[in-house]
Amino acid sequence: MIGNGDPSLIHHTTADGKPRSIDDCPVRLSIQNNIMQRVSEDLFWRKDGSSFPVEYVTSPLCSEGKAAVGL
């Protein structure tokens, strides 16, 4: 994922197999809303299609003007 900040690469499907809306992605919301997100139960997906449980915190990296520039 180096050089590609697109969370849909690892966060595209919910545990019940439904596609995850980009509007429902905590990683994306963290960047868009410039807020920290703490997620205690979620899934990330590997390139081979298998998934694994995750617990994570996202916190935006901000420029001097307070705009989120990454995680």
C-alpha atoms as a PDB file:
ATOM      1  CA  MET A   1       0.000   0.000   0.000  1.00  0.00           C
ATOM      2  CA  ILE A   2       3.003   2.303  -0.081  1.00  0.00           C
ATOM      3  CA  GLY A   3       2.014   5.343  -2.112  1.00  0.00           C
ATOM      4  CA  ASN A   4      -1.671   4.395  -2.180  1.00  0.00           C
ATOM      5  CA  GLY A   5      -3.813   5.865   0.597  1.00  0.00           C
ATOM      6  CA  ASP A   6      -7.059   4.330  -0.655  1.00  0.00           C
ATOM      7  CA  PRO A   7      -8.675   2.483   2.284  1.00  0.00           C
ATOM      8  CA  SER A   8     -10.978   0.560  -0.076  1.00  0.00           C
ATOM      9  CA  LEU A   9      -8.007  -1.731  -0.855  1.00  0.00           C
ATOM     10  CA  ILE A  10      -8.241  -3.307   2.602  1.00  0.00           C
ATOM     11  CA  HIS A  11     -11.640  -2.138   3.855  1.00  0.00           C
ATOM     12  CA  HIS A  12     -14.134  -2.854   1.063  1.00  0.00           C
ATOM     13  CA  THR A  13     -16.518  -5.454   2.515  1.00  0.00           C
ATOM     14  CA  THR A  14     -18.347  -5.861   5.832  1.00  0.00           C
ATOM     15  CA  ALA A  15     -18.233  -9.051   7.946  1.00  0.00           C
ATOM     16  CA  ASP A  16     -21.557 -10.207   6.493  1.00  0.00           C
ATOM     17  CA  GLY A  17     -20.220  -9.924   2.915  1.00  0.00           C
ATOM     18  CA  LYS A  18     -21.921  -6.671   1.934  1.00  0.00           C
ATOM     19  CA  PRO A  19     -19.907  -3.997   0.105  1.00  0.00           C
ATOM     20  CA  ARG A  20     -18.799  -1.213   2.449  1.00  0.00           C
ATOM     21  CA  SER A  21     -19.844   2.255   1.367  1.00  0.00           C
ATOM     22  CA  ILE A  22     -16.946   4.715   1.139  1.00  0.00           C
ATOM     23  CA  ASP A  23     -19.185   7.049   3.172  1.00  0.00           C
ATOM     24  CA  ASP A  24     -19.186   4.456   6.000  1.00  0.00           C
ATOM     25  CA  CYS A  25     -15.418   3.969   6.160  1.00  0.00           C
ATOM     26  CA  PRO A  26     -13.902   5.203   9.461  1.00  0.00           C
ATOM     27  CA  VAL A  27     -10.532   5.753   7.782  1.00  0.00           C
ATOM     28  CA  ARG A  28     -12.062   8.003   5.131  1.00  0.00           C
ATOM     29  CA  LEU A  29     -14.234   9.801   7.720  1.00  0.00           C
ATOM     30  CA  SER A  30     -11.146  10.543   9.789  1.00  0.00           C
ATOM     31  CA  ILE A  31      -9.537  12.341   6.845  1.00  0.00           C
ATOM     32  CA  GLN A  32     -12.700  14.093   5.651  1.00  0.00           C
ATOM     33  CA  ASN A  33     -13.807  15.328   9.071  1.00  0.00           C
ATOM     34  CA  ASN A  34     -10.341  15.881  10.548  1.00  0.00           C
ATOM     35  CA  ILE A  35     -11.166  13.730  13.592  1.00  0.00           C
ATOM     36  CA  MET A  36      -9.745  10.679  15.343  1.00  0.00           C
ATOM     37  CA  GLN A  37     -11.680   7.429  14.890  1.00  0.00           C
ATOM     38  CA  ARG A  38     -11.390   4.474  17.306  1.00  0.00           C
ATOM     39  CA  VAL A  39     -12.737   1.166  15.961  1.00  0.00           C
ATOM     40  CA  SER A  40     -12.857  -1.862  18.273  1.00  0.00           C
ATOM     41  CA  GLU A  41     -14.261  -4.501  15.867  1.00  0.00           C
ATOM     42  CA  ASP A  42     -13.727  -4.519  12.120  1.00  0.00           C
ATOM     43  CA  LEU A  43     -12.223  -6.546   9.269  1.00  0.00           C
ATOM     44  CA  PHE A  44      -9.405  -5.799   6.888  1.00  0.00           C
ATOM     45  CA  TRP A  45      -8.912  -7.792   3.697  1.00  0.00           C
ATOM     46  CA  ARG A  46      -5.793  -9.324   2.176  1.00  0.00           C
ATOM     47  CA  LYS A  47      -4.915  -9.363  -1.505  1.00  0.00           C
ATOM     48  CA  ASP A  48      -5.796 -13.091  -1.652  1.00  0.00           C
ATOM     49  CA  GLY A  49      -9.394 -12.324  -0.532  1.00  0.00           C
ATOM     50  CA  SER A  50      -9.095 -13.566   3.043  1.00  0.00           C
ATOM     51  CA  SER A  51      -9.949 -11.284   5.949  1.00  0.00           C
ATOM     52  CA  PHE A  52      -8.687 -10.791   9.487  1.00  0.00           C
ATOM     53  CA  PRO A  53     -10.155  -9.023  12.552  1.00  0.00           C
ATOM     54  CA  VAL A  54      -8.714  -5.639  13.482  1.00  0.00           C
ATOM     55  CA  GLU A  55      -8.922  -3.014  16.180  1.00  0.00           C
ATOM     56  CA  TYR A  56      -7.445   0.345  15.192  1.00  0.00           C
ATOM     57  CA  VAL A  57      -7.284   4.075  15.683  1.00  0.00           C
ATOM     58  CA  THR A  58      -7.019   6.549  12.830  1.00  0.00           C
ATOM     59  CA  SER A  59      -5.793  10.064  13.410  1.00  0.00           C
ATOM     60  CA  PRO A  60      -5.368  12.567  10.578  1.00  0.00           C
ATOM     61  CA  LEU A  61      -2.022  14.209   9.903  1.00  0.00           C
ATOM     62  CA  CYS A  62      -2.666  17.918   9.464  1.00  0.00           C
ATOM     63  CA  SER A  63      -0.836  20.585   7.554  1.00  0.00           C
ATOM     64  CA  GLU A  64      -0.043  23.941   9.108  1.00  0.00           C
ATOM     65  CA  GLY A  65      -3.413  25.210   7.871  1.00  0.00           C
ATOM     66  CA  LYS A  66      -5.168  22.414   9.812  1.00  0.00           C
ATOM     67  CA  ALA A  67      -6.267  20.498   6.668  1.00  0.00           C
ATOM     68  CA  ALA A  68      -5.884  16.723   6.826  1.00  0.00           C
ATOM     69  CA  VAL A  69      -3.128  15.581   4.484  1.00  0.00           C
ATOM     70  CA  GLY A  70      -2.991  11.887   5.440  1.00  0.00           C
ATOM     71  CA  LEU A  71      -3.200   9.380   8.292  1.00  0.00           C
END
